[in-house]
Amino acid sequence: QLAKVPQALVRRYFCEEKNDLHGV
């Protein structure tokens, strides 16, 4: 679901959760 978000922004604005989920 985050495929269109640049990876740098994923790292900056999301925290890794369990079960392959990323939380805002």
mmCIF file of all heavy atoms, coordinates in Angstrom:
data_MODEL
# 
_entry.id   MODEL 
# 
loop_
_atom_site.group_PDB 
_atom_site.id 
_atom_site.type_symbol 
_atom_site.label_atom_id 
_atom_site.label_alt_id 
_atom_site.label_comp_id 
_atom_site.label_asym_id 
_atom_site.label_entity_id 
_atom_site.label_seq_id 
_atom_site.pdbx_PDB_ins_code 
_atom_site.Cartn_x 
_atom_site.Cartn_y 
_atom_site.Cartn_z 
_atom_site.occupancy 
_atom_site.B_iso_or_equiv 
_atom_site.pdbx_formal_charge 
_atom_site.auth_seq_id 
_atom_site.auth_comp_id 
_atom_site.auth_asym_id 
_atom_site.auth_atom_id 
_atom_site.pdbx_PDB_model_num 
ATOM 1   N N   . GLN A 1 1  ? 0.818  -1.211  0.000  1.00 0.00 ? 1  GLN A N   1 
ATOM 2   C CA  . GLN A 1 1  ? 0.000  0.000   0.000  1.00 0.00 ? 1  GLN A CA  1 
ATOM 3   C C   . GLN A 1 1  ? 0.855  1.266   0.000  1.00 0.00 ? 1  GLN A C   1 
ATOM 4   O O   . GLN A 1 1  ? 0.364  2.348   -0.327 1.00 0.00 ? 1  GLN A O   1 
ATOM 5   C CB  . GLN A 1 1  ? -0.931 0.008   1.215  1.00 0.00 ? 1  GLN A CB  1 
ATOM 6   C CG  . GLN A 1 1  ? -2.009 -1.067  1.169  1.00 0.00 ? 1  GLN A CG  1 
ATOM 7   C CD  . GLN A 1 1  ? -2.828 -1.103  2.435  1.00 0.00 ? 1  GLN A CD  1 
ATOM 8   O OE1 . GLN A 1 1  ? -2.325 -1.447  3.508  1.00 0.00 ? 1  GLN A OE1 1 
ATOM 9   N NE2 . GLN A 1 1  ? -4.108 -0.751  2.331  1.00 0.00 ? 1  GLN A NE2 1 
ATOM 10  N N   . LEU A 1 2  ? 2.111  1.127   0.368  1.00 0.00 ? 2  LEU A N   1 
ATOM 11  C CA  . LEU A 1 2  ? 3.038  2.262   0.403  1.00 0.00 ? 2  LEU A CA  1 
ATOM 12  C C   . LEU A 1 2  ? 3.916  2.325   -0.844 1.00 0.00 ? 2  LEU A C   1 
ATOM 13  O O   . LEU A 1 2  ? 4.899  3.063   -0.886 1.00 0.00 ? 2  LEU A O   1 
ATOM 14  C CB  . LEU A 1 2  ? 3.931  2.167   1.643  1.00 0.00 ? 2  LEU A CB  1 
ATOM 15  C CG  . LEU A 1 2  ? 3.206  2.238   2.989  1.00 0.00 ? 2  LEU A CG  1 
ATOM 16  C CD1 . LEU A 1 2  ? 4.158  1.920   4.128  1.00 0.00 ? 2  LEU A CD1 1 
ATOM 17  C CD2 . LEU A 1 2  ? 2.570  3.604   3.195  1.00 0.00 ? 2  LEU A CD2 1 
ATOM 18  N N   . ALA A 1 3  ? 3.530  1.571   -1.877 1.00 0.00 ? 3  ALA A N   1 
ATOM 19  C CA  . ALA A 1 3  ? 4.374  1.452   -3.067 1.00 0.00 ? 3  ALA A CA  1 
ATOM 20  C C   . ALA A 1 3  ? 4.633  2.796   -3.741 1.00 0.00 ? 3  ALA A C   1 
ATOM 21  O O   . ALA A 1 3  ? 5.699  3.004   -4.328 1.00 0.00 ? 3  ALA A O   1 
ATOM 22  C CB  . ALA A 1 3  ? 3.736  0.481   -4.068 1.00 0.00 ? 3  ALA A CB  1 
ATOM 23  N N   . LYS A 1 4  ? 3.678  3.720   -3.674 1.00 0.00 ? 4  LYS A N   1 
ATOM 24  C CA  . LYS A 1 4  ? 3.840  5.015   -4.337 1.00 0.00 ? 4  LYS A CA  1 
ATOM 25  C C   . LYS A 1 4  ? 4.508  6.061   -3.445 1.00 0.00 ? 4  LYS A C   1 
ATOM 26  O O   . LYS A 1 4  ? 4.686  7.211   -3.855 1.00 0.00 ? 4  LYS A O   1 
ATOM 27  C CB  . LYS A 1 4  ? 2.479  5.525   -4.827 1.00 0.00 ? 4  LYS A CB  1 
ATOM 28  C CG  . LYS A 1 4  ? 1.895  4.682   -5.956 1.00 0.00 ? 4  LYS A CG  1 
ATOM 29  C CD  . LYS A 1 4  ? 0.634  5.300   -6.520 1.00 0.00 ? 4  LYS A CD  1 
ATOM 30  C CE  . LYS A 1 4  ? 0.096  4.471   -7.676 1.00 0.00 ? 4  LYS A CE  1 
ATOM 31  N NZ  . LYS A 1 4  ? 1.003  4.484   -8.851 1.00 0.00 ? 4  LYS A NZ  1 
ATOM 32  N N   . VAL A 1 5  ? 4.862  5.678   -2.232 1.00 0.00 ? 5  VAL A N   1 
ATOM 33  C CA  . VAL A 1 5  ? 5.564  6.586   -1.322 1.00 0.00 ? 5  VAL A CA  1 
ATOM 34  C C   . VAL A 1 5  ? 7.057  6.335   -1.451 1.00 0.00 ? 5  VAL A C   1 
ATOM 35  O O   . VAL A 1 5  ? 7.506  5.191   -1.276 1.00 0.00 ? 5  VAL A O   1 
ATOM 36  C CB  . VAL A 1 5  ? 5.129  6.356   0.147  1.00 0.00 ? 5  VAL A CB  1 
ATOM 37  C CG1 . VAL A 1 5  ? 5.819  7.365   1.065  1.00 0.00 ? 5  VAL A CG1 1 
ATOM 38  C CG2 . VAL A 1 5  ? 3.616  6.440   0.271  1.00 0.00 ? 5  VAL A CG2 1 
ATOM 39  N N   . PRO A 1 6  ? 7.861  7.358   -1.771 1.00 0.00 ? 6  PRO A N   1 
ATOM 40  C CA  . PRO A 1 6  ? 9.309  7.141   -1.852 1.00 0.00 ? 6  PRO A CA  1 
ATOM 41  C C   . PRO A 1 6  ? 9.844  6.503   -0.570 1.00 0.00 ? 6  PRO A C   1 
ATOM 42  O O   . PRO A 1 6  ? 9.411  6.857   0.529  1.00 0.00 ? 6  PRO A O   1 
ATOM 43  C CB  . PRO A 1 6  ? 9.860  8.558   -2.053 1.00 0.00 ? 6  PRO A CB  1 
ATOM 44  C CG  . PRO A 1 6  ? 8.729  9.305   -2.704 1.00 0.00 ? 6  PRO A CG  1 
ATOM 45  C CD  . PRO A 1 6  ? 7.482  8.746   -2.092 1.00 0.00 ? 6  PRO A CD  1 
ATOM 46  N N   . GLN A 1 7  ? 10.784 5.585   -0.705 1.00 0.00 ? 7  GLN A N   1 
ATOM 47  C CA  . GLN A 1 7  ? 11.281 4.848   0.452  1.00 0.00 ? 7  GLN A CA  1 
ATOM 48  C C   . GLN A 1 7  ? 11.874 5.767   1.516  1.00 0.00 ? 7  GLN A C   1 
ATOM 49  O O   . GLN A 1 7  ? 11.769 5.485   2.714  1.00 0.00 ? 7  GLN A O   1 
ATOM 50  C CB  . GLN A 1 7  ? 12.313 3.807   0.005  1.00 0.00 ? 7  GLN A CB  1 
ATOM 51  C CG  . GLN A 1 7  ? 11.692 2.558   -0.578 1.00 0.00 ? 7  GLN A CG  1 
ATOM 52  C CD  . GLN A 1 7  ? 10.734 1.882   0.406  1.00 0.00 ? 7  GLN A CD  1 
ATOM 53  O OE1 . GLN A 1 7  ? 11.114 1.497   1.504  1.00 0.00 ? 7  GLN A OE1 1 
ATOM 54  N NE2 . GLN A 1 7  ? 9.468  1.776   0.013  1.00 0.00 ? 7  GLN A NE2 1 
ATOM 55  N N   . ALA A 1 8  ? 12.475 6.865   1.106  1.00 0.00 ? 8  ALA A N   1 
ATOM 56  C CA  . ALA A 1 8  ? 13.017 7.811   2.092  1.00 0.00 ? 8  ALA A CA  1 
ATOM 57  C C   . ALA A 1 8  ? 11.904 8.372   2.965  1.00 0.00 ? 8  ALA A C   1 
ATOM 58  O O   . ALA A 1 8  ? 12.087 8.579   4.175  1.00 0.00 ? 8  ALA A O   1 
ATOM 59  C CB  . ALA A 1 8  ? 13.759 8.935   1.376  1.00 0.00 ? 8  ALA A CB  1 
ATOM 60  N N   . LEU A 1 9  ? 10.727 8.604   2.363  1.00 0.00 ? 9  LEU A N   1 
ATOM 61  C CA  . LEU A 1 9  ? 9.602  9.132   3.140  1.00 0.00 ? 9  LEU A CA  1 
ATOM 62  C C   . LEU A 1 9  ? 8.977  8.050   4.008  1.00 0.00 ? 9  LEU A C   1 
ATOM 63  O O   . LEU A 1 9  ? 8.488  8.333   5.109  1.00 0.00 ? 9  LEU A O   1 
ATOM 64  C CB  . LEU A 1 9  ? 8.563  9.738   2.198  1.00 0.00 ? 9  LEU A CB  1 
ATOM 65  C CG  . LEU A 1 9  ? 9.027  10.925  1.341  1.00 0.00 ? 9  LEU A CG  1 
ATOM 66  C CD1 . LEU A 1 9  ? 7.850  11.505  0.556  1.00 0.00 ? 9  LEU A CD1 1 
ATOM 67  C CD2 . LEU A 1 9  ? 9.666  12.006  2.197  1.00 0.00 ? 9  LEU A CD2 1 
ATOM 68  N N   . VAL A 1 10 ? 8.969  6.816   3.525  1.00 0.00 ? 10 VAL A N   1 
ATOM 69  C CA  . VAL A 1 10 ? 8.472  5.713   4.350  1.00 0.00 ? 10 VAL A CA  1 
ATOM 70  C C   . VAL A 1 10 ? 9.315  5.615   5.617  1.00 0.00 ? 10 VAL A C   1 
ATOM 71  O O   . VAL A 1 10 ? 8.785  5.500   6.733  1.00 0.00 ? 10 VAL A O   1 
ATOM 72  C CB  . VAL A 1 10 ? 8.503  4.383   3.573  1.00 0.00 ? 10 VAL A CB  1 
ATOM 73  C CG1 . VAL A 1 10 ? 8.158  3.218   4.508  1.00 0.00 ? 10 VAL A CG1 1 
ATOM 74  C CG2 . VAL A 1 10 ? 7.536  4.429   2.401  1.00 0.00 ? 10 VAL A CG2 1 
ATOM 75  N N   . ARG A 1 11 ? 10.627 5.677   5.455  1.00 0.00 ? 11 ARG A N   1 
ATOM 76  C CA  . ARG A 1 11 ? 11.511 5.589   6.627  1.00 0.00 ? 11 ARG A CA  1 
ATOM 77  C C   . ARG A 1 11 ? 11.335 6.777   7.568  1.00 0.00 ? 11 ARG A C   1 
ATOM 78  O O   . ARG A 1 11 ? 11.437 6.637   8.791  1.00 0.00 ? 11 ARG A O   1 
ATOM 79  C CB  . ARG A 1 11 ? 12.967 5.483   6.171  1.00 0.00 ? 11 ARG A CB  1 
ATOM 80  C CG  . ARG A 1 11 ? 13.304 4.172   5.461  1.00 0.00 ? 11 ARG A CG  1 
ATOM 81  C CD  . ARG A 1 11 ? 14.815 4.022   5.274  1.00 0.00 ? 11 ARG A CD  1 
ATOM 82  N NE  . ARG A 1 11 ? 15.338 5.026   4.359  1.00 0.00 ? 11 ARG A NE  1 
ATOM 83  C CZ  . ARG A 1 11 ? 15.433 4.845   3.039  1.00 0.00 ? 11 ARG A CZ  1 
ATOM 84  N NH1 . ARG A 1 11 ? 15.022 3.699   2.487  1.00 0.00 ? 11 ARG A NH1 1 
ATOM 85  N NH2 . ARG A 1 11 ? 15.939 5.788   2.258  1.00 0.00 ? 11 ARG A NH2 1 
ATOM 86  N N   . ARG A 1 12 ? 11.038 7.943   6.990  1.00 0.00 ? 12 ARG A N   1 
ATOM 87  C CA  . ARG A 1 12 ? 10.941 9.159   7.796  1.00 0.00 ? 12 ARG A CA  1 
ATOM 88  C C   . ARG A 1 12 ? 9.624  9.276   8.535  1.00 0.00 ? 12 ARG A C   1 
ATOM 89  O O   . ARG A 1 12 ? 9.576  9.785   9.660  1.00 0.00 ? 12 ARG A O   1 
ATOM 90  C CB  . ARG A 1 12 ? 11.125 10.372  6.870  1.00 0.00 ? 12 ARG A CB  1 
ATOM 91  C CG  . ARG A 1 12 ? 11.381 11.694  7.581  1.00 0.00 ? 12 ARG A CG  1 
ATOM 92  C CD  . ARG A 1 12 ? 11.707 12.778  6.556  1.00 0.00 ? 12 ARG A CD  1 
ATOM 93  N NE  . ARG A 1 12 ? 12.841 12.380  5.721  1.00 0.00 ? 12 ARG A NE  1 
ATOM 94  C CZ  . ARG A 1 12 ? 13.090 12.863  4.504  1.00 0.00 ? 12 ARG A CZ  1 
ATOM 95  N NH1 . ARG A 1 12 ? 12.259 13.757  3.962  1.00 0.00 ? 12 ARG A NH1 1 
ATOM 96  N NH2 . ARG A 1 12 ? 14.131 12.459  3.821  1.00 0.00 ? 12 ARG A NH2 1 
ATOM 97  N N   . TYR A 1 13 ? 8.533  8.792   7.931  1.00 0.00 ? 13 TYR A N   1 
ATOM 98  C CA  . TYR A 1 13 ? 7.200  9.078   8.480  1.00 0.00 ? 13 TYR A CA  1 
ATOM 99  C C   . TYR A 1 13 ? 6.407  7.855   8.931  1.00 0.00 ? 13 TYR A C   1 
ATOM 100 O O   . TYR A 1 13 ? 5.274  8.006   9.389  1.00 0.00 ? 13 TYR A O   1 
ATOM 101 C CB  . TYR A 1 13 ? 6.388  9.862   7.445  1.00 0.00 ? 13 TYR A CB  1 
ATOM 102 C CG  . TYR A 1 13 ? 7.007  11.209  7.137  1.00 0.00 ? 13 TYR A CG  1 
ATOM 103 C CD1 . TYR A 1 13 ? 7.597  11.467  5.895  1.00 0.00 ? 13 TYR A CD1 1 
ATOM 104 C CD2 . TYR A 1 13 ? 7.031  12.214  8.103  1.00 0.00 ? 13 TYR A CD2 1 
ATOM 105 C CE1 . TYR A 1 13 ? 8.179  12.692  5.620  1.00 0.00 ? 13 TYR A CE1 1 
ATOM 106 C CE2 . TYR A 1 13 ? 7.615  13.448  7.827  1.00 0.00 ? 13 TYR A CE2 1 
ATOM 107 C CZ  . TYR A 1 13 ? 8.198  13.684  6.589  1.00 0.00 ? 13 TYR A CZ  1 
ATOM 108 O OH  . TYR A 1 13 ? 8.775  14.893  6.329  1.00 0.00 ? 13 TYR A OH  1 
ATOM 109 N N   . PHE A 1 14 ? 7.000  6.681   8.829  1.00 0.00 ? 14 PHE A N   1 
ATOM 110 C CA  . PHE A 1 14 ? 6.308  5.468   9.273  1.00 0.00 ? 14 PHE A CA  1 
ATOM 111 C C   . PHE A 1 14 ? 7.222  4.654   10.184 1.00 0.00 ? 14 PHE A C   1 
ATOM 112 O O   . PHE A 1 14 ? 8.449  4.650   10.014 1.00 0.00 ? 14 PHE A O   1 
ATOM 113 C CB  . PHE A 1 14 ? 5.889  4.606   8.071  1.00 0.00 ? 14 PHE A CB  1 
ATOM 114 C CG  . PHE A 1 14 ? 4.829  5.230   7.212  1.00 0.00 ? 14 PHE A CG  1 
ATOM 115 C CD1 . PHE A 1 14 ? 5.173  6.132   6.213  1.00 0.00 ? 14 PHE A CD1 1 
ATOM 116 C CD2 . PHE A 1 14 ? 3.484  4.923   7.404  1.00 0.00 ? 14 PHE A CD2 1 
ATOM 117 C CE1 . PHE A 1 14 ? 4.200  6.730   5.421  1.00 0.00 ? 14 PHE A CE1 1 
ATOM 118 C CE2 . PHE A 1 14 ? 2.506  5.508   6.615  1.00 0.00 ? 14 PHE A CE2 1 
ATOM 119 C CZ  . PHE A 1 14 ? 2.858  6.406   5.625  1.00 0.00 ? 14 PHE A CZ  1 
ATOM 120 N N   . CYS A 1 15 ? 6.603  3.984   11.130 1.00 0.00 ? 15 CYS A N   1 
ATOM 121 C CA  . CYS A 1 15 ? 7.321  3.081   12.022 1.00 0.00 ? 15 CYS A CA  1 
ATOM 122 C C   . CYS A 1 15 ? 6.952  1.651   11.650 1.00 0.00 ? 15 CYS A C   1 
ATOM 123 O O   . CYS A 1 15 ? 5.781  1.363   11.395 1.00 0.00 ? 15 CYS A O   1 
ATOM 124 C CB  . CYS A 1 15 ? 6.932  3.342   13.482 1.00 0.00 ? 15 CYS A CB  1 
ATOM 125 S SG  . CYS A 1 15 ? 7.180  5.043   14.015 1.00 0.00 ? 15 CYS A SG  1 
ATOM 126 N N   . GLU A 1 16 ? 7.925  0.780   11.613 1.00 0.00 ? 16 GLU A N   1 
ATOM 127 C CA  . GLU A 1 16 ? 7.640  -0.617  11.288 1.00 0.00 ? 16 GLU A CA  1 
ATOM 128 C C   . GLU A 1 16 ? 6.884  -1.285  12.424 1.00 0.00 ? 16 GLU A C   1 
ATOM 129 O O   . GLU A 1 16 ? 7.219  -1.144  13.591 1.00 0.00 ? 16 GLU A O   1 
ATOM 130 C CB  . GLU A 1 16 ? 8.941  -1.378  11.001 1.00 0.00 ? 16 GLU A CB  1 
ATOM 131 C CG  . GLU A 1 16 ? 9.553  -1.021  9.666  1.00 0.00 ? 16 GLU A CG  1 
ATOM 132 C CD  . GLU A 1 16 ? 10.608 -2.025  9.244  1.00 0.00 ? 16 GLU A CD  1 
ATOM 133 O OE1 . GLU A 1 16 ? 10.399 -3.233  9.467  1.00 0.00 ? 16 GLU A OE1 1 
ATOM 134 O OE2 . GLU A 1 16 ? 11.636 -1.587  8.713  1.00 0.00 ? 16 GLU A OE2 1 
ATOM 135 N N   . GLU A 1 17 ? 5.821  -1.969  12.054 1.00 0.00 ? 17 GLU A N   1 
ATOM 136 C CA  . GLU A 1 17 ? 5.018  -2.716  13.015 1.00 0.00 ? 17 GLU A CA  1 
ATOM 137 C C   . GLU A 1 17 ? 5.153  -4.197  12.691 1.00 0.00 ? 17 GLU A C   1 
ATOM 138 O O   . GLU A 1 17 ? 5.807  -4.583  11.733 1.00 0.00 ? 17 GLU A O   1 
ATOM 139 C CB  . GLU A 1 17 ? 3.543  -2.283  12.906 1.00 0.00 ? 17 GLU A CB  1 
ATOM 140 C CG  . GLU A 1 17 ? 3.307  -0.777  13.017 1.00 0.00 ? 17 GLU A CG  1 
ATOM 141 C CD  . GLU A 1 17 ? 3.302  -0.284  14.439 1.00 0.00 ? 17 GLU A CD  1 
ATOM 142 O OE1 . GLU A 1 17 ? 3.216  -1.125  15.349 1.00 0.00 ? 17 GLU A OE1 1 
ATOM 143 O OE2 . GLU A 1 17 ? 3.381  0.952   14.636 1.00 0.00 ? 17 GLU A OE2 1 
ATOM 144 N N   . LYS A 1 18 ? 4.512  -5.032  13.475 1.00 0.00 ? 18 LYS A N   1 
ATOM 145 C CA  . LYS A 1 18 ? 4.556  -6.462  13.199 1.00 0.00 ? 18 LYS A CA  1 
ATOM 146 C C   . LYS A 1 18 ? 3.649  -6.807  12.019 1.00 0.00 ? 18 LYS A C   1 
ATOM 147 O O   . LYS A 1 18 ? 2.826  -5.993  11.589 1.00 0.00 ? 18 LYS A O   1 
ATOM 148 C CB  . LYS A 1 18 ? 4.147  -7.256  14.439 1.00 0.00 ? 18 LYS A CB  1 
ATOM 149 C CG  . LYS A 1 18 ? 2.734  -6.984  14.920 1.00 0.00 ? 18 LYS A CG  1 
ATOM 150 C CD  . LYS A 1 18 ? 2.441  -7.796  16.179 1.00 0.00 ? 18 LYS A CD  1 
ATOM 151 C CE  . LYS A 1 18 ? 1.012  -7.528  16.662 1.00 0.00 ? 18 LYS A CE  1 
ATOM 152 N NZ  . LYS A 1 18 ? 0.685  -8.310  17.876 1.00 0.00 ? 18 LYS A NZ  1 
ATOM 153 N N   . ASN A 1 19 ? 3.793  -8.005  11.502 1.00 0.00 ? 19 ASN A N   1 
ATOM 154 C CA  . ASN A 1 19 ? 2.978  -8.521  10.395 1.00 0.00 ? 19 ASN A CA  1 
ATOM 155 C C   . ASN A 1 19 ? 3.100  -7.672  9.131  1.00 0.00 ? 19 ASN A C   1 
ATOM 156 O O   . ASN A 1 19 ? 2.123  -7.458  8.410  1.00 0.00 ? 19 ASN A O   1 
ATOM 157 C CB  . ASN A 1 19 ? 1.507  -8.632  10.802 1.00 0.00 ? 19 ASN A CB  1 
ATOM 158 C CG  . ASN A 1 19 ? 1.293  -9.561  11.976 1.00 0.00 ? 19 ASN A CG  1 
ATOM 159 O OD1 . ASN A 1 19 ? 1.980  -10.574 12.098 1.00 0.00 ? 19 ASN A OD1 1 
ATOM 160 N ND2 . ASN A 1 19 ? 0.358  -9.209  12.847 1.00 0.00 ? 19 ASN A ND2 1 
ATOM 161 N N   . ASP A 1 20 ? 4.300  -7.170  8.859  1.00 0.00 ? 20 ASP A N   1 
ATOM 162 C CA  . ASP A 1 20 ? 4.565  -6.412  7.634  1.00 0.00 ? 20 ASP A CA  1 
ATOM 163 C C   . ASP A 1 20 ? 3.743  -5.125  7.542  1.00 0.00 ? 20 ASP A C   1 
ATOM 164 O O   . ASP A 1 20 ? 3.456  -4.626  6.456  1.00 0.00 ? 20 ASP A O   1 
ATOM 165 C CB  . ASP A 1 20 ? 4.308  -7.283  6.395  1.00 0.00 ? 20 ASP A CB  1 
ATOM 166 C CG  . ASP A 1 20 ? 4.852  -6.652  5.112  1.00 0.00 ? 20 ASP A CG  1 
ATOM 167 O OD1 . ASP A 1 20 ? 5.926  -6.032  5.165  1.00 0.00 ? 20 ASP A OD1 1 
ATOM 168 O OD2 . ASP A 1 20 ? 4.169  -6.746  4.066  1.00 0.00 ? 20 ASP A OD2 1 
ATOM 169 N N   . LEU A 1 21 ? 3.345  -4.568  8.661  1.00 0.00 ? 21 LEU A N   1 
ATOM 170 C CA  . LEU A 1 21 ? 2.596  -3.314  8.667  1.00 0.00 ? 21 LEU A CA  1 
ATOM 171 C C   . LEU A 1 21 ? 3.511  -2.148  9.045  1.00 0.00 ? 21 LEU A C   1 
ATOM 172 O O   . LEU A 1 21 ? 4.469  -2.306  9.795  1.00 0.00 ? 21 LEU A O   1 
ATOM 173 C CB  . LEU A 1 21 ? 1.432  -3.398  9.662  1.00 0.00 ? 21 LEU A CB  1 
ATOM 174 C CG  . LEU A 1 21 ? 0.309  -4.365  9.306  1.00 0.00 ? 21 LEU A CG  1 
ATOM 175 C CD1 . LEU A 1 21 ? -0.716 -4.416  10.436 1.00 0.00 ? 21 LEU A CD1 1 
ATOM 176 C CD2 . LEU A 1 21 ? -0.366 -3.959  7.999  1.00 0.00 ? 21 LEU A CD2 1 
ATOM 177 N N   . HIS A 1 22 ? 3.156  -0.984  8.504  1.00 0.00 ? 22 HIS A N   1 
ATOM 178 C CA  . HIS A 1 22 ? 3.873  0.243   8.818  1.00 0.00 ? 22 HIS A CA  1 
ATOM 179 C C   . HIS A 1 22 ? 2.871  1.236   9.389  1.00 0.00 ? 22 HIS A C   1 
ATOM 180 O O   . HIS A 1 22 ? 1.823  1.492   8.782  1.00 0.00 ? 22 HIS A O   1 
ATOM 181 C CB  . HIS A 1 22 ? 4.533  0.817   7.563  1.00 0.00 ? 22 HIS A CB  1 
ATOM 182 C CG  . HIS A 1 22 ? 5.571  -0.080  6.962  1.00 0.00 ? 22 HIS A CG  1 
ATOM 183 N ND1 . HIS A 1 22 ? 6.924  0.088   7.162  1.00 0.00 ? 22 HIS A ND1 1 
ATOM 184 C CD2 . HIS A 1 22 ? 5.445  -1.190  6.189  1.00 0.00 ? 22 HIS A CD2 1 
ATOM 185 C CE1 . HIS A 1 22 ? 7.589  -0.864  6.521  1.00 0.00 ? 22 HIS A CE1 1 
ATOM 186 N NE2 . HIS A 1 22 ? 6.705  -1.647  5.922  1.00 0.00 ? 22 HIS A NE2 1 
ATOM 187 N N   . GLY A 1 23 ? 3.190  1.808   10.538 1.00 0.00 ? 23 GLY A N   1 
ATOM 188 C CA  . GLY A 1 23 ? 2.289  2.741   11.196 1.00 0.00 ? 23 GLY A CA  1 
ATOM 189 C C   . GLY A 1 23 ? 2.742  4.180   11.037 1.00 0.00 ? 23 GLY A C   1 
ATOM 190 O O   . GLY A 1 23 ? 3.945  4.478   11.092 1.00 0.00 ? 23 GLY A O   1 
ATOM 191 N N   . VAL A 1 24 ? 1.789  5.076   10.843 1.00 0.00 ? 24 VAL A N   1 
ATOM 192 C CA  . VAL A 1 24 ? 2.084  6.502   10.743 1.00 0.00 ? 24 VAL A CA  1 
ATOM 193 C C   . VAL A 1 24 ? 2.703  6.985   12.054 1.00 0.00 ? 24 VAL A C   1 
ATOM 194 O O   . VAL A 1 24 ? 2.249  6.624   13.146 1.00 0.00 ? 24 VAL A O   1 
ATOM 195 C CB  . VAL A 1 24 ? 0.792  7.293   10.442 1.00 0.00 ? 24 VAL A CB  1 
ATOM 196 C CG1 . VAL A 1 24 ? 1.066  8.793   10.442 1.00 0.00 ? 24 VAL A CG1 1 
ATOM 197 C CG2 . VAL A 1 24 ? 0.200  6.852   9.116  1.00 0.00 ? 24 VAL A CG2 1 
# 
